[in-house]
Amino acid sequence: MKTSEFDFDLPQELIAQTPLANRSSSRLLVLHRATGEIEHRHFYEIVDYLKPGDVLVRNNTRVIPARLFGTKEETGAHVELLLLRQDGDEWECLVGNAKVVKLGTVISFNEGELKAECIGIGEKGLRQFRMIYDGIFYEILEKLGNVPLPPYIKEKLNDPERYQTVYAKVKGSAAAPTAGLHFTPELFDQLKAMGVEVEDITLHVGLGTFRPMDTEDIADHHMHSEFFMMDQATAGRLNQAKAEGRRIIAVGTTSCRTLEAIMSKYGEFRECHEDTDIFIYPGYTFKAIDGLITNFHLPKSTLVMLVSAFATKEQIMKAYQAAIDEKYRFFSFGDSMFIE
């Protein structure tokens, strides 16, 4: 299977540049897998498609101000870092000007308030850094860092909280789990009152989710690993729902990948804190989820492949064309889709 099979023509004006004033007023395309039928609704009408006993699983990761702009101490060259994965005071980073960063290079931020020493060289612009600072790292990062909006968003984001879900809790992501951006506290209250259960897991979004495909043969692509967590109580409730035949619906591809990674490895849900590089594309047999709430993704991306695996490639391409025809808004701040 080829990457080019998942390409489609998207008019530039349909790439959403700003979030809507009301999160839940985004549009909702409903795709019925069994029939291929498509409906056009609004996100607040998701309640019409959920029922008592359903379990919504959402990713409670919180985006950190992961983009840092600094200078190389030796030469003054400008260097941009995107923080991806933390291990104490060491961070894996994607470097915007990677060729100037060698082992031992020190990058200075805000006249030395924070420094990053390169201690490891990775492929495709990845570097390992040791952070040097006084005080509390995340307080310094809040002061010096920038919200890492995707490169296709050119407009300034006036309220950084609009690139966070209303349930964002666990710091660590370099990008938002955007399917969750459509939910409001009031909508969750309504769903819970209906008897829909809501469970939280954590996957810190990194390169595995948003790095573009750079191979033509899908089988040649290797996903960058991302850290995820599920606690014992959540695992127990999900196992019970599965045993009782209740629907488990993932809010977003990151929740989907977490659930499928656990079920694929262990055959059940269980407490774990580990990494996954699971790559889901057509031919994959889903073991964990029964429904998926998601956004509209980039052409030729691993995320388009994931949703094409959950429905079919033909259904997804037809649904995407319908969304284009109906002038849906695409990508991070765009509209939503429910595949049931």
C-alpha atoms as a PDB file:
ATOM      1  CA  MET A   1       0.000   0.000   0.000  1.00  0.00           C
ATOM      2  CA  LYS A   2       1.345   3.402  -1.035  1.00  0.00           C
ATOM      3  CA  THR A   3       1.341   6.721   0.821  1.00  0.00           C
ATOM      4  CA  SER A   4       0.067   8.414  -2.344  1.00  0.00           C
ATOM      5  CA  GLU A   5      -3.173   6.419  -2.093  1.00  0.00           C
ATOM      6  CA  PHE A   6      -4.112   8.606   0.881  1.00  0.00           C
ATOM      7  CA  ASP A   7      -3.663  11.922  -0.883  1.00  0.00           C
ATOM      8  CA  PHE A   8      -6.507  14.327  -1.606  1.00  0.00           C
ATOM      9  CA  ASP A   9      -6.864  17.893  -2.862  1.00  0.00           C
ATOM     10  CA  LEU A  10      -7.711  20.313  -0.079  1.00  0.00           C
ATOM     11  CA  PRO A  11      -8.450  23.973  -0.848  1.00  0.00           C
ATOM     12  CA  GLN A  12      -6.158  26.167   1.251  1.00  0.00           C
ATOM     13  CA  GLU A  13      -9.093  28.247   2.523  1.00  0.00           C
ATOM     14  CA  LEU A  14     -10.545  25.212   4.323  1.00  0.00           C
ATOM     15  CA  ILE A  15      -7.569  24.960   6.700  1.00  0.00           C
ATOM     16  CA  ALA A  16      -8.928  26.452   9.930  1.00  0.00           C
ATOM     17  CA  GLN A  17      -6.710  29.259  11.210  1.00  0.00           C
ATOM     18  CA  THR A  18      -8.560  30.128  14.422  1.00  0.00           C
ATOM     19  CA  PRO A  19     -10.802  28.246  16.852  1.00  0.00           C
ATOM     20  CA  LEU A  20     -14.540  28.907  16.907  1.00  0.00           C
ATOM     21  CA  ALA A  21     -15.909  31.088  19.704  1.00  0.00           C
ATOM     22  CA  ASN A  22     -17.945  28.150  21.014  1.00  0.00           C
ATOM     23  CA  ARG A  23     -16.085  24.832  21.095  1.00  0.00           C
ATOM     24  CA  SER A  24     -19.127  22.596  20.584  1.00  0.00           C
ATOM     25  CA  SER A  25     -20.611  24.594  17.696  1.00  0.00           C
ATOM     26  CA  SER A  26     -18.164  23.032  15.233  1.00  0.00           C
ATOM     27  CA  ARG A  27     -19.675  20.836  12.564  1.00  0.00           C
ATOM     28  CA  LEU A  28     -19.898  17.072  12.912  1.00  0.00           C
ATOM     29  CA  LEU A  29     -19.771  14.628  10.041  1.00  0.00           C
ATOM     30  CA  VAL A  30     -21.213  11.283  11.111  1.00  0.00           C
ATOM     31  CA  LEU A  31     -20.011   8.257   9.144  1.00  0.00           C
ATOM     32  CA  HIS A  32     -21.935   5.013   9.644  1.00  0.00           C
ATOM     33  CA  ARG A  33     -19.483   2.208   8.946  1.00  0.00           C
ATOM     34  CA  ALA A  34     -22.116  -0.448   8.362  1.00  0.00           C
ATOM     35  CA  THR A  35     -23.843   1.408   5.536  1.00  0.00           C
ATOM     36  CA  GLY A  36     -21.416   4.114   4.468  1.00  0.00           C
ATOM     37  CA  GLU A  37     -24.154   6.690   5.140  1.00  0.00           C
ATOM     38  CA  ILE A  38     -22.985  10.239   5.918  1.00  0.00           C
ATOM     39  CA  GLU A  39     -24.830  12.795   8.026  1.00  0.00           C
ATOM     40  CA  HIS A  40     -24.013  16.469   8.561  1.00  0.00           C
ATOM     41  CA  ARG A  41     -24.655  17.731  12.089  1.00  0.00           C
ATOM     42  CA  HIS A  42     -23.097  19.959  14.768  1.00  0.00           C
ATOM     43  CA  PHE A  43     -20.804  18.682  17.492  1.00  0.00           C
ATOM     44  CA  TYR A  44     -23.220  19.382  20.348  1.00  0.00           C
ATOM     45  CA  GLU A  45     -25.508  16.837  18.642  1.00  0.00           C
ATOM     46  CA  ILE A  46     -23.015  14.052  19.437  1.00  0.00           C
ATOM     47  CA  VAL A  47     -25.446  13.265  22.257  1.00  0.00           C
ATOM     48  CA  ASP A  48     -27.835  11.832  19.638  1.00  0.00           C
ATOM     49  CA  TYR A  49     -25.305   9.142  18.751  1.00  0.00           C
ATOM     50  CA  LEU A  50     -24.231   8.091  22.249  1.00  0.00           C
ATOM     51  CA  LYS A  51     -26.244   5.977  24.668  1.00  0.00           C
ATOM     52  CA  PRO A  52     -26.216   4.912  28.330  1.00  0.00           C
ATOM     53  CA  GLY A  53     -23.361   2.529  29.042  1.00  0.00           C
ATOM     54  CA  ASP A  54     -21.096   3.901  26.319  1.00  0.00           C
ATOM     55  CA  VAL A  55     -17.585   4.710  27.510  1.00  0.00           C
ATOM     56  CA  LEU A  56     -15.814   7.784  26.151  1.00  0.00           C
ATOM     57  CA  VAL A  57     -12.033   7.565  26.532  1.00  0.00           C
ATOM     58  CA  ARG A  58     -10.211  10.900  26.308  1.00  0.00           C
ATOM     59  CA  ASN A  59      -6.544  11.907  26.416  1.00  0.00           C
ATOM     60  CA  ASN A  60      -5.927  14.296  29.324  1.00  0.00           C
ATOM     61  CA  THR A  61      -2.447  15.368  28.234  1.00  0.00           C
ATOM     62  CA  ARG A  62      -1.658  19.075  28.450  1.00  0.00           C
ATOM     63  CA  VAL A  63       0.364  20.946  25.822  1.00  0.00           C
ATOM     64  CA  ILE A  64       3.473  22.587  27.221  1.00  0.00           C
ATOM     65  CA  PRO A  65       5.017  25.788  25.746  1.00  0.00           C
ATOM     66  CA  ALA A  66       7.397  23.464  23.938  1.00  0.00           C
ATOM     67  CA  ARG A  67       8.852  25.837  21.326  1.00  0.00           C
ATOM     68  CA  LEU A  68      12.015  27.642  22.439  1.00  0.00           C
ATOM     69  CA  PHE A  69      14.076  30.187  20.504  1.00  0.00           C
ATOM     70  CA  GLY A  70      17.698  30.581  21.543  1.00  0.00           C
ATOM     71  CA  THR A  71      21.210  31.239  20.330  1.00  0.00           C
ATOM     72  CA  LYS A  72      24.272  29.032  20.049  1.00  0.00           C
ATOM     73  CA  GLU A  73      26.764  30.248  22.668  1.00  0.00           C
ATOM     74  CA  GLU A  74      29.840  29.804  20.484  1.00  0.00           C
ATOM     75  CA  THR A  75      28.589  31.657  17.393  1.00  0.00           C
ATOM     76  CA  GLY A  76      25.336  33.426  18.227  1.00  0.00           C
ATOM     77  CA  ALA A  77      23.495  31.412  15.535  1.00  0.00           C
ATOM     78  CA  HIS A  78      19.746  31.268  16.074  1.00  0.00           C
ATOM     79  CA  VAL A  79      18.412  27.838  17.032  1.00  0.00           C
ATOM     80  CA  GLU A  80      14.825  26.689  17.559  1.00  0.00           C
ATOM     81  CA  LEU A  81      13.981  23.695  19.769  1.00  0.00           C
ATOM     82  CA  LEU A  82      10.738  21.754  19.997  1.00  0.00           C
ATOM     83  CA  LEU A  83      10.661  19.791  23.246  1.00  0.00           C
ATOM     84  CA  LEU A  84       9.367  16.260  22.672  1.00  0.00           C
ATOM     85  CA  ARG A  85      10.202  13.831  25.472  1.00  0.00           C
ATOM     86  CA  GLN A  86      11.418  14.348  29.019  1.00  0.00           C
ATOM     87  CA  ASP A  87      13.620  12.157  31.173  1.00  0.00           C
ATOM     88  CA  GLY A  88      14.383  14.224  34.243  1.00  0.00           C
ATOM     89  CA  ASP A  89      16.491  17.178  33.094  1.00  0.00           C
ATOM     90  CA  GLU A  90      17.157  15.552  29.729  1.00  0.00           C
ATOM     91  CA  TRP A  91      14.922  16.237  26.737  1.00  0.00           C
ATOM     92  CA  GLU A  92      14.667  14.838  23.250  1.00  0.00           C
ATOM     93  CA  CYS A  93      14.117  17.802  20.913  1.00  0.00           C
ATOM     94  CA  LEU A  94      13.491  18.474  17.272  1.00  0.00           C
ATOM     95  CA  VAL A  95      15.966  21.163  16.200  1.00  0.00           C
ATOM     96  CA  GLY A  96      15.041  23.722  13.558  1.00  0.00           C
ATOM     97  CA  ASN A  97      18.648  24.429  12.591  1.00  0.00           C
ATOM     98  CA  ALA A  98      20.049  21.009  13.407  1.00  0.00           C
ATOM     99  CA  LYS A  99      23.194  21.157  11.268  1.00  0.00           C
ATOM    100  CA  VAL A 100      24.771  23.758  13.580  1.00  0.00           C
ATOM    101  CA  VAL A 101      24.124  21.666  16.711  1.00  0.00           C
ATOM    102  CA  LYS A 102      26.894  19.161  17.448  1.00  0.00           C
ATOM    103  CA  LEU A 103      27.777  17.196  20.580  1.00  0.00           C
ATOM    104  CA  GLY A 104      28.675  19.663  23.309  1.00  0.00           C
ATOM    105  CA  THR A 105      26.880  22.617  21.672  1.00  0.00           C
ATOM    106  CA  VAL A 106      25.243  24.866  24.269  1.00  0.00           C
ATOM    107  CA  ILE A 107      22.102  26.820  23.390  1.00  0.00           C
ATOM    108  CA  SER A 108      21.272  29.842  25.556  1.00  0.00           C
ATOM    109  CA  PHE A 109      17.760  31.184  26.137  1.00  0.00           C
ATOM    110  CA  ASN A 110      17.001  34.637  27.516  1.00  0.00           C
ATOM    111  CA  GLU A 111      20.634  35.509  28.232  1.00  0.00           C
ATOM    112  CA  GLY A 112      21.372  32.244  29.987  1.00  0.00           C
ATOM    113  CA  GLU A 113      18.272  31.953  32.195  1.00  0.00           C
ATOM    114  CA  LEU A 114      17.977  28.534  30.593  1.00  0.00           C
ATOM    115  CA  LYS A 115      20.704  26.613  28.758  1.00  0.00           C
ATOM    116  CA  ALA A 116      20.566  23.370  26.782  1.00  0.00           C
ATOM    117  CA  GLU A 117      23.703  21.282  26.208  1.00  0.00           C
ATOM    118  CA  CYS A 118      23.596  18.775  23.352  1.00  0.00           C
ATOM    119  CA  ILE A 119      24.477  15.313  24.693  1.00  0.00           C
ATOM    120  CA  GLY A 120      23.181  13.113  21.873  1.00  0.00           C
ATOM    121  CA  ILE A 121      22.695  13.186  18.108  1.00  0.00           C
ATOM    122  CA  GLY A 122      19.631  11.543  16.548  1.00  0.00           C
ATOM    123  CA  GLU A 123      18.347  11.228  13.004  1.00  0.00           C
ATOM    124  CA  LYS A 124      16.273  13.738  11.035  1.00  0.00           C
ATOM    125  CA  GLY A 125      16.931  16.752  13.240  1.00  0.00           C
ATOM    126  CA  LEU A 126      16.537  15.049  16.607  1.00  0.00           C
ATOM    127  CA  ARG A 127      18.946  15.906  19.414  1.00  0.00           C
ATOM    128  CA  GLN A 128      19.218  15.020  23.098  1.00  0.00           C
ATOM    129  CA  PHE A 129      19.795  17.937  25.469  1.00  0.00           C
ATOM    130  CA  ARG A 130      20.609  18.368  29.144  1.00  0.00           C
ATOM    131  CA  MET A 131      18.815  21.405  30.537  1.00  0.00           C
ATOM    132  CA  ILE A 132      20.796  23.748  32.793  1.00  0.00           C
ATOM    133  CA  TYR A 133      18.848  26.169  34.997  1.00  0.00           C
ATOM    134  CA  ASP A 134      18.166  27.408  38.516  1.00  0.00           C
ATOM    135  CA  GLY A 135      14.709  26.997  40.009  1.00  0.00           C
ATOM    136  CA  ILE A 136      11.714  25.048  38.698  1.00  0.00           C
ATOM    137  CA  PHE A 137      11.980  23.994  35.062  1.00  0.00           C
ATOM    138  CA  TYR A 138       8.296  24.285  34.151  1.00  0.00           C
ATOM    139  CA  GLU A 139       8.068  27.772  35.656  1.00  0.00           C
ATOM    140  CA  ILE A 140      10.984  28.850  33.461  1.00  0.00           C
ATOM    141  CA  LEU A 141       9.411  27.129  30.446  1.00  0.00           C
ATOM    142  CA  GLU A 142       6.100  28.932  31.019  1.00  0.00           C
ATOM    143  CA  LYS A 143       8.022  32.191  30.901  1.00  0.00           C
ATOM    144  CA  LEU A 144      10.309  31.489  27.931  1.00  0.00           C
ATOM    145  CA  GLY A 145       8.444  28.958  25.805  1.00  0.00           C
ATOM    146  CA  ASN A 146       5.835  29.371  23.098  1.00  0.00           C
ATOM    147  CA  VAL A 147       2.720  27.348  22.282  1.00  0.00           C
ATOM    148  CA  PRO A 148       3.803  24.982  19.473  1.00  0.00           C
ATOM    149  CA  LEU A 149       1.017  25.612  16.965  1.00  0.00           C
ATOM    150  CA  PRO A 150       1.222  23.529  13.760  1.00  0.00           C
ATOM    151  CA  PRO A 151       3.015  25.241  10.847  1.00  0.00           C
ATOM    152  CA  TYR A 152      -0.162  25.437   8.734  1.00  0.00           C
ATOM    153  CA  ILE A 153      -1.702  27.828  11.297  1.00  0.00           C
ATOM    154  CA  LYS A 154      -0.544  31.325  10.369  1.00  0.00           C
ATOM    155  CA  GLU A 155      -2.888  33.372  12.577  1.00  0.00           C
ATOM    156  CA  LYS A 156      -1.890  34.422  16.086  1.00  0.00           C
ATOM    157  CA  LEU A 157      -3.715  32.538  18.847  1.00  0.00           C
ATOM    158  CA  ASN A 158      -5.088  35.143  21.236  1.00  0.00           C
ATOM    159  CA  ASP A 159      -5.970  32.693  24.017  1.00  0.00           C
ATOM    160  CA  PRO A 160      -3.461  29.810  24.436  1.00  0.00           C
ATOM    161  CA  GLU A 161      -6.087  27.838  26.393  1.00  0.00           C
ATOM    162  CA  ARG A 162      -7.993  27.328  23.144  1.00  0.00           C
ATOM    163  CA  TYR A 163      -5.216  24.957  22.083  1.00  0.00           C
ATOM    164  CA  GLN A 164      -5.920  22.908  25.220  1.00  0.00           C
ATOM    165  CA  THR A 165      -8.851  20.608  25.892  1.00  0.00           C
ATOM    166  CA  VAL A 166     -11.057  21.633  28.827  1.00  0.00           C
ATOM    167  CA  TYR A 167      -9.839  18.476  30.621  1.00  0.00           C
ATOM    168  CA  ALA A 168      -6.097  18.927  29.889  1.00  0.00           C
ATOM    169  CA  LYS A 169      -4.251  17.950  33.057  1.00  0.00           C
ATOM    170  CA  VAL A 170      -0.955  16.064  32.668  1.00  0.00           C
ATOM    171  CA  LYS A 171       1.833  18.264  31.234  1.00  0.00           C
ATOM    172  CA  GLY A 172       3.958  16.840  28.457  1.00  0.00           C
ATOM    173  CA  SER A 173       2.574  17.238  24.915  1.00  0.00           C
ATOM    174  CA  ALA A 174       4.116  19.036  21.961  1.00  0.00           C
ATOM    175  CA  ALA A 175       0.697  19.164  20.244  1.00  0.00           C
ATOM    176  CA  ALA A 176      -2.938  19.057  21.341  1.00  0.00           C
ATOM    177  CA  PRO A 177      -5.139  15.964  21.010  1.00  0.00           C
ATOM    178  CA  THR A 178      -7.416  18.043  18.820  1.00  0.00           C
ATOM    179  CA  ALA A 179     -10.531  15.837  18.692  1.00  0.00           C
ATOM    180  CA  GLY A 180     -11.086  16.808  22.320  1.00  0.00           C
ATOM    181  CA  LEU A 181     -11.131  20.532  21.582  1.00  0.00           C
ATOM    182  CA  HIS A 182     -14.841  20.336  20.668  1.00  0.00           C
ATOM    183  CA  PHE A 183     -15.985  19.295  24.139  1.00  0.00           C
ATOM    184  CA  THR A 184     -17.232  21.703  26.814  1.00  0.00           C
ATOM    185  CA  PRO A 185     -17.793  21.044  30.526  1.00  0.00           C
ATOM    186  CA  GLU A 186     -21.540  21.433  29.918  1.00  0.00           C
ATOM    187  CA  LEU A 187     -21.463  18.782  27.187  1.00  0.00           C
ATOM    188  CA  PHE A 188     -19.674  16.353  29.500  1.00  0.00           C
ATOM    189  CA  ASP A 189     -22.277  17.048  32.194  1.00  0.00           C
ATOM    190  CA  GLN A 190     -25.027  16.273  29.699  1.00  0.00           C
ATOM    191  CA  LEU A 191     -23.366  13.039  28.600  1.00  0.00           C
ATOM    192  CA  LYS A 192     -22.758  11.859  32.164  1.00  0.00           C
ATOM    193  CA  ALA A 193     -26.389  12.607  33.042  1.00  0.00           C
ATOM    194  CA  MET A 194     -27.360  10.353  30.104  1.00  0.00           C
ATOM    195  CA  GLY A 195     -25.339   7.498  31.585  1.00  0.00           C
ATOM    196  CA  VAL A 196     -22.265   7.815  29.360  1.00  0.00           C
ATOM    197  CA  GLU A 197     -19.062   7.017  31.256  1.00  0.00           C
ATOM    198  CA  VAL A 198     -15.979   9.190  30.739  1.00  0.00           C
ATOM    199  CA  GLU A 199     -12.488   7.794  31.317  1.00  0.00           C
ATOM    200  CA  ASP A 200      -9.096   9.504  31.124  1.00  0.00           C
ATOM    201  CA  ILE A 201      -5.856   8.101  29.786  1.00  0.00           C
ATOM    202  CA  THR A 202      -2.660   9.992  28.910  1.00  0.00           C
ATOM    203  CA  LEU A 203      -0.549   9.982  25.766  1.00  0.00           C
ATOM    204  CA  HIS A 204       1.956  12.778  25.335  1.00  0.00           C
ATOM    205  CA  VAL A 205       1.697  13.781  21.696  1.00  0.00           C
ATOM    206  CA  GLY A 206       5.028  13.899  19.920  1.00  0.00           C
ATOM    207  CA  LEU A 207       6.584  13.090  16.559  1.00  0.00           C
ATOM    208  CA  GLY A 208       4.738   9.780  16.258  1.00  0.00           C
ATOM    209  CA  THR A 209       1.468  11.640  15.820  1.00  0.00           C
ATOM    210  CA  PHE A 210       2.434  14.629  13.720  1.00  0.00           C
ATOM    211  CA  ARG A 211       5.608  13.823  11.756  1.00  0.00           C
ATOM    212  CA  PRO A 212       4.831  13.631   8.004  1.00  0.00           C
ATOM    213  CA  MET A 213       5.262  10.376   6.099  1.00  0.00           C
ATOM    214  CA  ASP A 214       8.533  10.321   4.175  1.00  0.00           C
ATOM    215  CA  THR A 215       8.254   6.876   2.569  1.00  0.00           C
ATOM    216  CA  GLU A 216       6.160   5.866  -0.435  1.00  0.00           C
ATOM    217  CA  ASP A 217       5.641   2.305   0.817  1.00  0.00           C
ATOM    218  CA  ILE A 218       3.603   2.491   4.020  1.00  0.00           C
ATOM    219  CA  ALA A 219       5.327  -0.583   5.446  1.00  0.00           C
ATOM    220  CA  ASP A 220       8.650   1.285   5.391  1.00  0.00           C
ATOM    221  CA  HIS A 221       7.440   4.025   7.751  1.00  0.00           C
ATOM    222  CA  HIS A 222       8.566   3.786  11.369  1.00  0.00           C
ATOM    223  CA  MET A 223       6.533   5.624  13.992  1.00  0.00           C
ATOM    224  CA  HIS A 224       8.406   7.640  16.605  1.00  0.00           C
ATOM    225  CA  SER A 225       7.514   6.290  20.056  1.00  0.00           C
ATOM    226  CA  GLU A 226       5.334   8.271  22.458  1.00  0.00           C
ATOM    227  CA  PHE A 227       4.786   7.861  26.208  1.00  0.00           C
ATOM    228  CA  PHE A 228       1.373   6.835  27.542  1.00  0.00           C
ATOM    229  CA  MET A 229      -0.242   5.937  30.872  1.00  0.00           C
ATOM    230  CA  MET A 230      -3.337   4.106  32.076  1.00  0.00           C
ATOM    231  CA  ASP A 231      -4.116   3.570  35.755  1.00  0.00           C
ATOM    232  CA  GLN A 232      -5.468   0.383  37.321  1.00  0.00           C
ATOM    233  CA  ALA A 233      -8.945   1.713  38.104  1.00  0.00           C
ATOM    234  CA  THR A 234      -9.485   2.888  34.534  1.00  0.00           C
ATOM    235  CA  ALA A 235      -8.257  -0.438  33.173  1.00  0.00           C
ATOM    236  CA  GLY A 236     -10.688  -2.290  35.418  1.00  0.00           C
ATOM    237  CA  ARG A 237     -13.675  -0.245  34.314  1.00  0.00           C
ATOM    238  CA  LEU A 238     -12.750  -0.609  30.635  1.00  0.00           C
ATOM    239  CA  ASN A 239     -12.355  -4.377  30.993  1.00  0.00           C
ATOM    240  CA  GLN A 240     -15.778  -4.514  32.635  1.00  0.00           C
ATOM    241  CA  ALA A 241     -17.338  -2.484  29.810  1.00  0.00           C
ATOM    242  CA  LYS A 242     -15.725  -4.803  27.267  1.00  0.00           C
ATOM    243  CA  ALA A 243     -16.993  -7.889  29.081  1.00  0.00           C
ATOM    244  CA  GLU A 244     -20.514  -6.451  29.152  1.00  0.00           C
ATOM    245  CA  GLY A 245     -20.460  -5.674  25.447  1.00  0.00           C
ATOM    246  CA  ARG A 246     -20.681  -1.910  25.935  1.00  0.00           C
ATOM    247  CA  ARG A 247     -19.193   0.442  23.363  1.00  0.00           C
ATOM    248  CA  ILE A 248     -15.774   1.988  23.937  1.00  0.00           C
ATOM    249  CA  ILE A 249     -15.435   5.201  21.950  1.00  0.00           C
ATOM    250  CA  ALA A 250     -12.059   6.883  21.605  1.00  0.00           C
ATOM    251  CA  VAL A 251     -11.905  10.662  21.634  1.00  0.00           C
ATOM    252  CA  GLY A 252      -9.168  11.180  19.077  1.00  0.00           C
ATOM    253  CA  THR A 253      -6.487   9.137  17.396  1.00  0.00           C
ATOM    254  CA  THR A 254      -4.130   9.406  20.392  1.00  0.00           C
ATOM    255  CA  SER A 255      -6.714   7.786  22.695  1.00  0.00           C
ATOM    256  CA  CYS A 256      -7.330   5.175  19.999  1.00  0.00           C
ATOM    257  CA  ARG A 257      -3.631   4.365  19.652  1.00  0.00           C
ATOM    258  CA  THR A 258      -3.219   4.089  23.434  1.00  0.00           C
ATOM    259  CA  LEU A 259      -6.147   1.698  23.809  1.00  0.00           C
ATOM    260  CA  GLU A 260      -5.124  -0.391  20.817  1.00  0.00           C
ATOM    261  CA  ALA A 261      -1.477  -0.517  21.945  1.00  0.00           C
ATOM    262  CA  ILE A 262      -2.466  -1.880  25.355  1.00  0.00           C
ATOM    263  CA  MET A 263      -5.000  -4.378  24.012  1.00  0.00           C
ATOM    264  CA  SER A 264      -2.628  -5.560  21.258  1.00  0.00           C
ATOM    265  CA  LYS A 265       0.179  -6.182  23.745  1.00  0.00           C
ATOM    266  CA  TYR A 266      -1.720  -7.621  26.710  1.00  0.00           C
ATOM    267  CA  GLY A 267      -5.071  -8.876  25.362  1.00  0.00           C
ATOM    268  CA  GLU A 268      -6.817  -6.760  28.008  1.00  0.00           C
ATOM    269  CA  PHE A 269      -6.665  -3.311  29.504  1.00  0.00           C
ATOM    270  CA  ARG A 270      -4.186  -2.982  32.340  1.00  0.00           C
ATOM    271  CA  GLU A 271      -2.234  -0.408  34.306  1.00  0.00           C
ATOM    272  CA  CYS A 272       0.858   0.641  32.407  1.00  0.00           C
ATOM    273  CA  HIS A 273       3.330   3.478  31.934  1.00  0.00           C
ATOM    274  CA  GLU A 274       5.303   2.860  28.767  1.00  0.00           C
ATOM    275  CA  ASP A 275       6.029   3.861  25.175  1.00  0.00           C
ATOM    276  CA  THR A 276       4.234   2.918  21.999  1.00  0.00           C
ATOM    277  CA  ASP A 277       5.136   3.214  18.344  1.00  0.00           C
ATOM    278  CA  ILE A 278       1.968   1.467  17.132  1.00  0.00           C
ATOM    279  CA  PHE A 279       1.206   2.319  13.506  1.00  0.00           C
ATOM    280  CA  ILE A 280      -2.389   1.638  12.485  1.00  0.00           C
ATOM    281  CA  TYR A 281      -3.232   1.486   8.785  1.00  0.00           C
ATOM    282  CA  PRO A 282      -5.678  -0.506   6.611  1.00  0.00           C
ATOM    283  CA  GLY A 283      -5.457  -4.204   7.324  1.00  0.00           C
ATOM    284  CA  TYR A 284      -5.191  -3.644  11.085  1.00  0.00           C
ATOM    285  CA  THR A 285      -7.770  -5.511  13.202  1.00  0.00           C
ATOM    286  CA  PHE A 286      -9.161  -3.267  15.951  1.00  0.00           C
ATOM    287  CA  LYS A 287      -9.259  -4.920  19.361  1.00  0.00           C
ATOM    288  CA  ALA A 288     -10.229  -2.111  21.742  1.00  0.00           C
ATOM    289  CA  ILE A 289     -12.535   0.520  20.273  1.00  0.00           C
ATOM    290  CA  ASP A 290     -16.049   0.514  18.818  1.00  0.00           C
ATOM    291  CA  GLY A 291     -16.281   4.161  17.781  1.00  0.00           C
ATOM    292  CA  LEU A 292     -13.986   7.091  17.061  1.00  0.00           C
ATOM    293  CA  ILE A 293     -14.387  10.849  17.383  1.00  0.00           C
ATOM    294  CA  THR A 294     -11.738  12.609  15.335  1.00  0.00           C
ATOM    295  CA  ASN A 295     -10.854  15.687  13.293  1.00  0.00           C
ATOM    296  CA  PHE A 296     -10.101  15.928   9.572  1.00  0.00           C
ATOM    297  CA  HIS A 297      -6.440  15.117   9.016  1.00  0.00           C
ATOM    298  CA  LEU A 298      -3.657  16.053   6.618  1.00  0.00           C
ATOM    299  CA  PRO A 299      -3.333  14.298   3.240  1.00  0.00           C
ATOM    300  CA  LYS A 300      -0.954  11.329   3.228  1.00  0.00           C
ATOM    301  CA  SER A 301      -0.677  11.370   7.038  1.00  0.00           C
ATOM    302  CA  THR A 302      -0.554   8.418   9.420  1.00  0.00           C
ATOM    303  CA  LEU A 303      -3.794   9.757  10.933  1.00  0.00           C
ATOM    304  CA  VAL A 304      -5.696   9.507   7.642  1.00  0.00           C
ATOM    305  CA  MET A 305      -4.392   5.934   7.456  1.00  0.00           C
ATOM    306  CA  LEU A 306      -5.657   5.203  10.966  1.00  0.00           C
ATOM    307  CA  VAL A 307      -9.203   6.401  10.268  1.00  0.00           C
ATOM    308  CA  SER A 308      -9.103   4.545   6.938  1.00  0.00           C
ATOM    309  CA  ALA A 309      -8.310   1.389   8.890  1.00  0.00           C
ATOM    310  CA  PHE A 310     -11.250   1.924  11.242  1.00  0.00           C
ATOM    311  CA  ALA A 311     -13.699   2.535   8.390  1.00  0.00           C
ATOM    312  CA  THR A 312     -12.406   1.792   4.892  1.00  0.00           C
ATOM    313  CA  LYS A 313     -10.197   3.894   2.665  1.00  0.00           C
ATOM    314  CA  GLU A 314     -13.079   4.266   0.224  1.00  0.00           C
ATOM    315  CA  GLN A 315     -15.481   5.428   2.959  1.00  0.00           C
ATOM    316  CA  ILE A 316     -12.979   7.920   4.372  1.00  0.00           C
ATOM    317  CA  MET A 317     -12.074   9.400   0.995  1.00  0.00           C
ATOM    318  CA  LYS A 318     -15.784   9.745   0.190  1.00  0.00           C
ATOM    319  CA  ALA A 319     -16.433  11.377   3.582  1.00  0.00           C
ATOM    320  CA  TYR A 320     -13.484  13.759   3.169  1.00  0.00           C
ATOM    321  CA  GLN A 321     -14.739  14.778  -0.274  1.00  0.00           C
ATOM    322  CA  ALA A 322     -18.204  15.382   1.198  1.00  0.00           C
ATOM    323  CA  ALA A 323     -16.599  17.548   3.902  1.00  0.00           C
ATOM    324  CA  ILE A 324     -14.723  19.537   1.259  1.00  0.00           C
ATOM    325  CA  ASP A 325     -17.892  19.969  -0.798  1.00  0.00           C
ATOM    326  CA  GLU A 326     -19.739  21.188   2.310  1.00  0.00           C
ATOM    327  CA  LYS A 327     -16.887  23.570   3.202  1.00  0.00           C
ATOM    328  CA  TYR A 328     -15.958  21.924   6.497  1.00  0.00           C
ATOM    329  CA  ARG A 329     -12.975  23.376   8.340  1.00  0.00           C
ATOM    330  CA  PHE A 330      -9.920  21.076   8.412  1.00  0.00           C
ATOM    331  CA  PHE A 331      -7.071  20.158  10.792  1.00  0.00           C
ATOM    332  CA  SER A 332      -6.389  21.241  14.392  1.00  0.00           C
ATOM    333  CA  PHE A 333      -8.944  24.038  14.794  1.00  0.00           C
ATOM    334  CA  GLY A 334     -11.314  22.473  12.283  1.00  0.00           C
ATOM    335  CA  ASP A 335     -14.514  20.466  12.395  1.00  0.00           C
ATOM    336  CA  SER A 336     -15.115  16.952  13.650  1.00  0.00           C
ATOM    337  CA  MET A 337     -16.106  13.486  12.570  1.00  0.00           C
ATOM    338  CA  PHE A 338     -17.739  10.561  14.376  1.00  0.00           C
ATOM    339  CA  ILE A 339     -17.176   7.110  12.916  1.00  0.00           C
ATOM    340  CA  GLU A 340     -19.578   4.634  14.496  1.00  0.00           C
END
